[in-house]
Amino acid sequence: MGVKVGRIVREFLFRGLAEQQLDMKLHAHRRELSGRTVAVKPDRIEVEITSGDPRSFAVGDRVRVYFLYQNNWHTFTSNVVERGEAWVALESPEGIYKNPQRKYERVAIAEEAEVYFTLKGQRVELNFPRTSRPLPADTPLSVRENFDFGSLDKLHASFRERMEKAVSTSRIVMLRDKVPQKYEEKVIAALGKMLWIPLTEEDWPAKDPFADERVILRRDLVKYEEALERPAYVITSKLGNILYEKQKKGLHSELWCPILYESYIIGYAYLANQGERKERISKELVDWVWEFSKVLSYSLQLNGYFTSGTAVSERRYESPIIDISAAGLMFAHPRQELAQDLLVHTDLDVTVRFAERRLLIRARVRRKFQDGERSYFGLQFLSISPEDLAFLFEKLYGHPYSSEEDARWEGGTPPPPLDLFP
């Protein structure tokens, strides 16, 4: 990334941009423009485009900017706030960095992309997705309903009987040997709580009617998206679009209730009212399904479900990718055990998954830091196949990889000087 300049130097650079009308390179996901600074205002920087089509950029696009000033390359990240026929206006950046140090520029891609890997350890792990809100192993089972614990068939029959009278659609989905794919699956796995949409015509729930905080609220979804470094306007639009798409499909009310076992989400119960059945899923039914999920988990344990499957002495982790380049990536994870076990300079094999392809990469942990809730890891790629590198380059930058890329650095800048005698 380079060295962040101070406030005084930042203001000095802004004056230089305005007075000298410096050339700029503007990079978005798979799109590039070149231009010249024509105005620097307190809240924006206006750039006249000299190469490329300004129409390829849209308001709200995340843009990486590179410019040369007094023989030093500088870079910053911004958003497009306005666009004309031959110019674009960028939001004034908070930070400017001098002398980029990365081999390739990092890209925060809009689509879903994940990294997953395993670490060897002493604990026996099960092949289910992890949740960041685990149940303690010794949690006592306390339910009000008269369920039959000993028979899985009778337990399932009681679920079907209750659902036939209460909702138009219901099912139980198990997640053994699976990675959550749908947005709702990822959210309930990450948060360990129920995703309850009383009415799709209304907003996401703002208050939890249960004392034990079992319902995912709108602020939880916003926080989940913020952890992926999505801008506020993108989050608002995404959450609104999810409800709108459900309305278009004729869905009126939904419930996604996780089935938890210790630190795993082993499955979930799904309920929906759709079509002619337009009433909301009631609080009483939500409570019943939550109780049922605990009984089902307990009953599966009694019936040997968690010992009959494949158990390995490895721990598997998966996480959304925050940003990625052709030479490395960054991800975050809430598990404290991973923060303890995955150390800087650790080498590991990771799988990077896009919708259309999976990449097998040998990587090394180069950077690690924490905030209040999760740990962040920066990985450097050590070994990647030529075919996977070509795919990744085209995916991120919109043009094929060539041997000439080895002679350039982040944003097309020259390599940083090599200091052999520090």
Protein backbone atom coordinates (compact mmCIF):
# COMPACT_ATOMS: atom_id res chain seq x y z
CA MET A 1 0.00 0.00 0.00
CA GLY A 2 2.83 2.44 0.78
CA VAL A 3 3.23 5.08 3.46
CA LYS A 4 0.24 7.20 4.45
CA VAL A 5 1.04 10.90 4.24
CA GLY A 6 0.13 13.32 7.02
CA ARG A 7 -2.54 16.02 6.91
CA ILE A 8 -0.13 18.80 5.93
CA VAL A 9 1.41 16.78 3.09
CA ARG A 10 -2.08 15.79 1.97
CA GLU A 11 -3.09 19.44 1.61
CA PHE A 12 0.19 20.14 -0.20
CA LEU A 13 -0.56 17.35 -2.67
CA PHE A 14 -4.06 18.70 -3.27
CA ARG A 15 -2.61 22.11 -4.15
CA GLY A 16 -0.16 20.44 -6.51
CA LEU A 17 -2.95 18.51 -8.21
CA ALA A 18 -4.92 21.70 -8.79
CA GLU A 19 -2.06 24.01 -9.81
CA GLN A 20 -0.17 21.61 -12.07
CA GLN A 21 -3.19 19.69 -13.43
CA LEU A 22 -1.39 16.40 -12.90
CA ASP A 23 -2.14 13.27 -14.88
CA MET A 24 -4.06 10.54 -13.11
CA LYS A 25 -4.78 6.85 -13.65
CA LEU A 26 -8.26 5.80 -12.53
CA HIS A 27 -8.84 2.07 -11.99
CA ALA A 28 -12.18 0.45 -11.16
CA HIS A 29 -13.03 -3.25 -11.29
CA ARG A 30 -11.96 -4.37 -14.82
CA ARG A 31 -12.04 -0.76 -16.11
CA GLU A 32 -9.35 1.91 -16.52
CA LEU A 33 -9.31 5.59 -17.47
CA SER A 34 -6.60 8.22 -17.73
CA GLY A 35 -7.16 11.90 -17.11
CA ARG A 36 -5.91 15.26 -15.93
CA THR A 37 -6.89 17.07 -12.75
CA VAL A 38 -8.86 20.22 -13.56
CA ALA A 39 -10.22 21.21 -10.12
CA VAL A 40 -9.72 20.29 -6.47
CA LYS A 41 -12.55 21.34 -4.17
CA PRO A 42 -13.05 20.68 -0.45
CA ASP A 43 -15.32 17.70 -1.10
CA ARG A 44 -14.30 16.50 -4.59
CA ILE A 45 -11.62 16.21 -7.25
CA GLU A 46 -12.64 16.78 -10.87
CA VAL A 47 -10.76 14.92 -13.61
CA GLU A 48 -10.90 15.54 -17.35
CA ILE A 49 -10.67 12.17 -19.12
CA THR A 50 -7.98 11.94 -21.81
CA SER A 51 -8.05 8.18 -22.46
CA GLY A 52 -10.90 5.72 -22.11
CA ASP A 53 -14.68 6.06 -22.02
CA PRO A 54 -16.05 7.94 -18.96
CA ARG A 55 -19.36 6.15 -19.47
CA SER A 56 -17.73 2.94 -18.27
CA PHE A 57 -17.70 4.49 -14.77
CA ALA A 58 -20.91 4.95 -12.80
CA VAL A 59 -21.76 7.11 -9.81
CA GLY A 60 -20.90 5.13 -6.70
CA ASP A 61 -18.11 3.09 -8.32
CA ARG A 62 -15.10 2.44 -6.10
CA VAL A 63 -11.98 3.82 -7.82
CA ARG A 64 -8.24 3.46 -7.18
CA VAL A 65 -6.25 6.53 -8.30
CA TYR A 66 -2.52 6.79 -9.09
CA PHE A 67 -0.53 9.95 -9.86
CA LEU A 68 3.13 11.02 -10.02
CA TYR A 69 4.20 14.09 -8.10
CA GLN A 70 7.78 15.25 -7.57
CA ASN A 71 9.17 11.90 -8.74
CA ASN A 72 7.06 9.93 -6.26
CA TRP A 73 4.01 7.84 -7.07
CA HIS A 74 0.95 8.36 -4.89
CA THR A 75 -2.33 6.49 -4.62
CA PHE A 76 -5.71 6.81 -2.95
CA THR A 77 -9.11 5.16 -3.03
CA SER A 78 -12.29 7.12 -3.69
CA ASN A 79 -15.84 6.95 -5.06
CA VAL A 80 -17.30 8.46 -8.22
CA VAL A 81 -19.78 11.17 -7.15
CA GLU A 82 -20.64 12.60 -10.58
CA ARG A 83 -19.87 11.88 -14.23
CA GLY A 84 -20.08 13.90 -17.42
CA GLU A 85 -19.44 13.22 -21.11
CA ALA A 86 -15.69 13.80 -20.77
CA TRP A 87 -15.03 14.05 -17.03
CA VAL A 88 -15.62 12.40 -13.67
CA ALA A 89 -15.75 13.82 -10.16
CA LEU A 90 -14.26 11.86 -7.27
CA GLU A 91 -15.02 12.15 -3.58
CA SER A 92 -12.16 13.82 -1.71
CA PRO A 93 -10.15 10.95 -0.17
CA GLU A 94 -9.38 10.65 3.53
CA GLY A 95 -5.96 9.09 3.02
CA ILE A 96 -3.21 9.35 0.38
CA TYR A 97 -0.34 6.87 0.26
CA LYS A 98 3.14 7.50 -1.09
CA ASN A 99 5.25 4.98 -3.04
CA PRO A 100 2.95 1.95 -3.49
CA GLN A 101 4.63 -1.26 -2.33
CA ARG A 102 2.32 -3.99 -3.60
CA LYS A 103 3.08 -6.04 -6.67
CA TYR A 104 -0.53 -5.83 -7.92
CA GLU A 105 -3.37 -3.58 -6.86
CA ARG A 106 -6.01 -4.97 -4.54
CA VAL A 107 -9.59 -5.14 -5.81
CA ALA A 108 -12.72 -5.16 -3.63
CA ILE A 109 -14.94 -7.20 -5.93
CA ALA A 110 -18.71 -6.79 -5.78
CA GLU A 111 -19.60 -10.45 -6.28
CA GLU A 112 -19.44 -13.10 -3.58
CA ALA A 113 -15.97 -14.67 -3.23
CA GLU A 114 -14.62 -16.81 -0.40
CA VAL A 115 -11.39 -18.34 0.84
CA TYR A 116 -11.30 -21.57 2.80
CA PHE A 117 -8.58 -23.78 4.25
CA THR A 118 -7.88 -26.32 7.00
CA LEU A 119 -5.47 -26.26 9.93
CA LYS A 120 -4.25 -29.38 11.67
CA GLY A 121 -4.96 -29.55 15.38
CA GLN A 122 -5.76 -31.77 18.30
CA ARG A 123 -9.51 -31.21 18.40
CA VAL A 124 -11.86 -33.45 16.44
CA GLU A 125 -13.96 -31.37 14.09
CA LEU A 126 -17.18 -32.15 12.24
CA ASN A 127 -17.95 -31.42 8.60
CA PHE A 128 -20.47 -28.66 9.21
CA PRO A 129 -20.16 -24.89 8.80
CA ARG A 130 -19.03 -22.96 11.87
CA THR A 131 -21.07 -20.25 13.56
CA SER A 132 -19.68 -17.22 15.39
CA ARG A 133 -22.37 -17.63 18.09
CA PRO A 134 -21.78 -21.18 19.33
CA LEU A 135 -23.78 -22.99 21.97
CA PRO A 136 -21.70 -24.22 24.94
CA ALA A 137 -21.24 -27.98 24.84
CA ASP A 138 -22.90 -28.40 28.25
CA THR A 139 -25.97 -26.25 27.57
CA PRO A 140 -28.94 -27.96 29.27
CA LEU A 141 -31.96 -28.70 27.11
CA SER A 142 -34.95 -26.75 28.41
CA VAL A 143 -38.11 -26.67 26.25
CA ARG A 144 -41.77 -26.18 26.95
CA GLU A 145 -43.20 -28.40 24.20
CA ASN A 146 -43.78 -32.14 24.70
CA PHE A 147 -41.46 -33.43 21.98
CA ASP A 148 -40.41 -37.06 21.55
CA PHE A 149 -36.59 -36.90 21.85
CA GLY A 150 -35.92 -40.56 21.15
CA SER A 151 -37.45 -40.92 17.69
CA LEU A 152 -36.24 -38.81 14.80
CA ASP A 153 -39.14 -40.02 12.66
CA LYS A 154 -41.74 -38.94 15.23
CA LEU A 155 -39.94 -35.64 15.73
CA HIS A 156 -39.96 -34.94 12.00
CA ALA A 157 -43.61 -35.96 11.81
CA SER A 158 -44.51 -33.45 14.52
CA PHE A 159 -42.75 -30.73 12.50
CA ARG A 160 -44.63 -31.62 9.31
CA GLU A 161 -47.96 -31.78 11.12
CA ARG A 162 -47.50 -28.35 12.71
CA MET A 163 -46.23 -26.74 9.50
CA GLU A 164 -49.03 -28.08 7.30
CA LYS A 165 -51.50 -26.07 9.34
CA ALA A 166 -49.37 -22.95 9.81
CA VAL A 167 -47.48 -22.09 6.60
CA SER A 168 -47.58 -22.75 2.88
CA THR A 169 -43.97 -24.01 2.58
CA SER A 170 -41.61 -25.68 5.03
CA ARG A 171 -38.53 -27.90 4.99
CA ILE A 172 -35.49 -28.93 7.00
CA VAL A 173 -32.10 -28.57 5.29
CA MET A 174 -28.99 -30.31 6.65
CA LEU A 175 -25.51 -28.89 5.98
CA ARG A 176 -23.17 -31.84 6.46
CA ASP A 177 -20.21 -31.51 4.04
CA LYS A 178 -21.71 -28.29 2.66
CA VAL A 179 -20.70 -24.65 2.61
CA PRO A 180 -23.51 -22.08 2.90
CA GLN A 181 -24.26 -20.70 -0.56
CA LYS A 182 -27.41 -18.57 -0.28
CA TYR A 183 -27.27 -15.15 1.33
CA GLU A 184 -29.67 -16.22 4.06
CA GLU A 185 -27.62 -19.35 4.82
CA LYS A 186 -24.45 -17.29 5.15
CA VAL A 187 -26.12 -14.79 7.47
CA ILE A 188 -27.61 -17.33 9.88
CA ALA A 189 -24.32 -19.27 9.88
CA ALA A 190 -22.30 -16.13 10.59
CA LEU A 191 -24.63 -14.76 13.28
CA GLY A 192 -26.07 -17.96 14.78
CA LYS A 193 -29.55 -16.47 15.03
CA MET A 194 -32.90 -16.70 13.22
CA LEU A 195 -33.58 -14.66 10.11
CA TRP A 196 -37.25 -13.77 10.51
CA ILE A 197 -39.00 -11.62 7.92
CA PRO A 198 -42.52 -11.03 9.32
CA LEU A 199 -43.61 -9.31 6.08
CA THR A 200 -41.53 -8.73 2.97
CA GLU A 201 -43.56 -5.56 2.31
CA GLU A 202 -42.10 -4.10 5.51
CA ASP A 203 -38.50 -3.47 6.55
CA TRP A 204 -36.20 -5.91 8.33
CA PRO A 205 -36.98 -6.29 12.06
CA ALA A 206 -35.70 -3.45 14.22
CA LYS A 207 -36.47 -5.04 17.61
CA ASP A 208 -36.13 -8.58 18.93
CA PRO A 209 -39.31 -9.72 20.72
CA PHE A 210 -37.39 -12.49 22.52
CA ALA A 211 -35.30 -11.87 25.63
CA ASP A 212 -32.49 -14.22 24.56
CA GLU A 213 -31.71 -12.22 21.38
CA ARG A 214 -32.42 -14.96 18.87
CA VAL A 215 -33.60 -12.82 15.92
CA ILE A 216 -31.33 -11.11 13.38
CA LEU A 217 -32.15 -7.40 13.27
CA ARG A 218 -31.57 -4.86 10.54
CA ARG A 219 -28.58 -3.43 12.39
CA ASP A 220 -27.06 -6.93 12.51
CA LEU A 221 -27.32 -7.20 8.72
CA VAL A 222 -25.78 -3.75 8.29
CA LYS A 223 -22.90 -4.72 10.59
CA TYR A 224 -22.44 -7.99 8.68
CA GLU A 225 -22.18 -6.09 5.39
CA GLU A 226 -19.89 -3.43 6.88
CA ALA A 227 -17.45 -6.18 7.84
CA LEU A 228 -17.17 -6.87 4.09
CA GLU A 229 -16.26 -3.16 3.64
CA ARG A 230 -19.33 -2.37 1.59
CA PRO A 231 -20.32 1.34 1.48
CA ALA A 232 -23.44 2.43 3.34
CA TYR A 233 -25.41 3.22 0.18
CA VAL A 234 -24.62 -0.24 -1.25
CA ILE A 235 -25.81 -1.90 1.97
CA THR A 236 -29.07 0.06 1.98
CA SER A 237 -29.71 -0.81 -1.65
CA LYS A 238 -28.84 -4.50 -1.17
CA LEU A 239 -31.09 -5.00 1.85
CA GLY A 240 -33.96 -3.27 0.05
CA ASN A 241 -33.43 -5.33 -3.11
CA ILE A 242 -33.49 -8.62 -1.20
CA LEU A 243 -36.96 -7.85 0.16
CA TYR A 244 -38.13 -6.58 -3.23
CA GLU A 245 -36.99 -9.76 -5.00
CA LYS A 246 -38.88 -11.85 -2.45
CA GLN A 247 -42.02 -9.80 -3.12
CA LYS A 248 -41.62 -10.40 -6.86
CA LYS A 249 -41.49 -14.15 -6.19
CA GLY A 250 -44.74 -13.97 -4.23
CA LEU A 251 -43.11 -14.51 -0.84
CA HIS A 252 -44.92 -12.69 1.95
CA SER A 253 -43.21 -13.97 5.12
CA GLU A 254 -40.14 -16.11 5.82
CA LEU A 255 -38.21 -17.76 8.63
CA TRP A 256 -34.70 -19.26 8.47
CA CYS A 257 -34.01 -20.94 11.81
CA PRO A 258 -30.51 -22.38 12.38
CA ILE A 259 -30.11 -25.80 13.98
CA LEU A 260 -27.06 -25.42 16.22
CA TYR A 261 -24.78 -27.99 17.80
CA GLU A 262 -21.92 -26.61 19.89
CA SER A 263 -19.94 -24.34 17.50
CA TYR A 264 -21.62 -25.64 14.32
CA ILE A 265 -24.70 -24.87 12.32
CA ILE A 266 -25.75 -28.36 11.27
CA GLY A 267 -28.80 -27.26 9.29
CA TYR A 268 -31.81 -25.02 9.37
CA ALA A 269 -35.60 -25.03 9.26
CA TYR A 270 -37.16 -22.95 6.50
CA LEU A 271 -40.74 -21.63 6.58
CA ALA A 272 -42.56 -19.36 4.16
CA ASN A 273 -46.00 -18.00 3.38
CA GLN A 274 -46.43 -17.28 -0.30
CA GLY A 275 -49.03 -16.96 -3.00
CA GLU A 276 -52.55 -16.76 -1.63
CA ARG A 277 -51.38 -17.23 1.95
CA LYS A 278 -50.34 -13.71 2.82
CA GLU A 279 -50.34 -13.63 6.62
CA ARG A 280 -47.16 -13.08 8.57
CA ILE A 281 -45.38 -15.93 10.33
CA SER A 282 -46.37 -15.35 13.93
CA LYS A 283 -44.14 -14.84 16.92
CA GLU A 284 -45.67 -17.94 18.50
CA LEU A 285 -44.73 -20.10 15.52
CA VAL A 286 -41.21 -18.63 15.47
CA ASP A 287 -40.87 -19.58 19.14
CA TRP A 288 -42.11 -23.12 18.42
CA VAL A 289 -39.59 -23.61 15.61
CA TRP A 290 -36.74 -22.32 17.79
CA GLU A 291 -37.69 -24.86 20.47
CA PHE A 292 -37.96 -27.58 17.85
CA SER A 293 -34.49 -26.79 16.48
CA LYS A 294 -32.95 -27.32 19.94
CA VAL A 295 -34.81 -30.61 20.41
CA LEU A 296 -33.80 -31.81 16.93
CA SER A 297 -30.14 -31.06 17.63
CA TYR A 298 -30.35 -32.94 20.93
CA SER A 299 -32.14 -35.86 19.32
CA LEU A 300 -29.56 -36.09 16.53
CA GLN A 301 -26.85 -36.28 19.18
CA LEU A 302 -28.70 -39.07 21.03
CA ASN A 303 -29.03 -41.00 17.78
CA GLY A 304 -25.31 -40.83 16.95
CA TYR A 305 -25.61 -38.39 14.06
CA PHE A 306 -22.44 -36.51 14.96
CA THR A 307 -20.26 -39.58 15.39
CA SER A 308 -21.38 -41.56 12.35
CA GLY A 309 -20.08 -39.01 9.87
CA THR A 310 -16.54 -38.25 8.84
CA ALA A 311 -14.55 -36.67 11.64
CA VAL A 312 -11.02 -35.44 11.04
CA SER A 313 -8.32 -33.96 13.21
CA GLU A 314 -8.31 -30.80 11.12
CA ARG A 315 -10.18 -27.55 11.48
CA ARG A 316 -11.77 -26.03 8.44
CA TYR A 317 -12.38 -22.29 8.12
CA GLU A 318 -14.14 -20.27 5.46
CA SER A 319 -14.48 -16.52 5.14
CA PRO A 320 -15.58 -13.87 2.64
CA ILE A 321 -12.71 -12.13 0.85
CA ILE A 322 -12.37 -8.44 1.73
CA ASP A 323 -10.08 -7.61 -1.18
CA ILE A 324 -7.81 -9.55 -3.52
CA SER A 325 -5.03 -8.99 -6.05
CA ALA A 326 -3.12 -11.31 -8.37
CA ALA A 327 -0.52 -11.67 -5.60
CA GLY A 328 -2.53 -11.93 -2.38
CA LEU A 329 -5.77 -11.32 -0.50
CA MET A 330 -7.21 -10.19 2.82
CA PHE A 331 -9.94 -11.86 4.86
CA ALA A 332 -11.38 -11.55 8.36
CA HIS A 333 -12.66 -14.21 10.76
CA PRO A 334 -14.34 -13.99 14.19
CA ARG A 335 -12.96 -17.23 15.69
CA GLN A 336 -10.50 -16.55 18.51
CA GLU A 337 -8.86 -19.94 18.05
CA LEU A 338 -7.89 -19.01 14.51
CA ALA A 339 -6.33 -15.79 15.77
CA GLN A 340 -4.22 -17.86 18.15
CA ASP A 341 -3.20 -20.62 15.72
CA LEU A 342 -2.71 -18.81 12.40
CA LEU A 343 0.52 -16.88 12.88
CA VAL A 344 2.46 -14.49 10.67
CA HIS A 345 4.81 -16.43 8.31
CA THR A 346 2.56 -19.53 8.43
CA ASP A 347 2.36 -21.28 5.04
CA LEU A 348 -0.92 -22.97 4.08
CA ASP A 349 -2.92 -24.21 1.11
CA VAL A 350 -6.06 -22.18 0.46
CA THR A 351 -8.94 -22.48 -1.97
CA VAL A 352 -10.31 -19.25 -3.44
CA ARG A 353 -13.84 -19.77 -4.67
CA PHE A 354 -15.61 -17.65 -7.26
CA ALA A 355 -18.97 -18.58 -8.75
CA GLU A 356 -17.40 -20.00 -11.91
CA ARG A 357 -14.07 -21.37 -10.68
CA ARG A 358 -12.04 -22.53 -7.68
CA LEU A 359 -8.36 -21.67 -7.41
CA LEU A 360 -5.91 -23.82 -5.40
CA ILE A 361 -3.12 -21.59 -4.07
CA ARG A 362 -0.15 -21.96 -1.74
CA ALA A 363 -0.02 -18.86 0.46
CA ARG A 364 1.83 -17.30 3.39
CA VAL A 365 0.43 -15.11 6.18
CA ARG A 366 2.22 -11.77 5.85
CA ARG A 367 0.03 -9.51 7.96
CA LYS A 368 -2.31 -9.93 10.90
CA PHE A 369 -4.26 -7.52 13.07
CA GLN A 370 -7.43 -7.41 15.14
CA ASP A 371 -10.31 -5.12 15.89
CA GLY A 372 -12.87 -5.60 18.64
CA GLU A 373 -14.67 -8.54 17.04
CA ARG A 374 -12.50 -10.28 14.47
CA SER A 375 -8.99 -10.94 13.23
CA TYR A 376 -7.74 -9.82 9.81
CA PHE A 377 -5.18 -11.79 7.79
CA GLY A 378 -3.19 -10.66 4.75
CA LEU A 379 -2.00 -13.56 2.58
CA GLN A 380 0.75 -13.51 -0.03
CA PHE A 381 0.44 -16.05 -2.85
CA LEU A 382 3.50 -18.28 -3.08
CA SER A 383 2.42 -20.70 -5.79
CA ILE A 384 -0.44 -20.51 -8.27
CA SER A 385 -0.86 -22.36 -11.57
CA PRO A 386 -0.42 -20.36 -14.82
CA GLU A 387 -4.04 -21.15 -15.75
CA ASP A 388 -5.38 -19.89 -12.41
CA LEU A 389 -3.20 -16.77 -12.58
CA ALA A 390 -4.50 -15.98 -16.06
CA PHE A 391 -8.09 -16.42 -14.88
CA LEU A 392 -7.54 -14.27 -11.79
CA PHE A 393 -5.84 -11.49 -13.76
CA GLU A 394 -8.69 -11.29 -16.26
CA LYS A 395 -11.24 -11.51 -13.44
CA LEU A 396 -9.75 -8.63 -11.45
CA TYR A 397 -8.28 -6.28 -14.04
CA GLY A 398 -10.21 -6.98 -17.22
CA HIS A 399 -7.22 -7.81 -19.43
CA PRO A 400 -4.99 -10.87 -19.94
CA TYR A 401 -1.83 -11.49 -17.99
CA SER A 402 1.44 -10.98 -19.88
CA SER A 403 5.14 -11.20 -19.01
CA GLU A 404 5.25 -7.38 -19.15
CA GLU A 405 3.27 -7.31 -15.88
CA ASP A 406 6.38 -8.53 -14.06
CA ALA A 407 8.14 -5.25 -14.89
CA ARG A 408 5.35 -3.13 -13.41
CA TRP A 409 4.04 -2.65 -9.88
CA GLU A 410 0.71 -1.67 -8.38
CA GLY A 411 -1.34 0.49 -10.75
CA GLY A 412 1.32 0.24 -13.49
CA THR A 413 3.87 2.13 -11.40
CA PRO A 414 7.56 1.16 -11.55
CA PRO A 415 8.89 -1.25 -8.88
CA PRO A 416 9.95 0.36 -5.60
CA PRO A 417 13.71 0.77 -5.13
CA LEU A 418 15.54 -2.23 -3.75
CA ASP A 419 17.60 -1.24 -0.70
CA LEU A 420 20.30 -3.88 -0.28
CA PHE A 421 22.06 -2.07 2.56
CA PRO A 422 19.44 -0.68 4.97
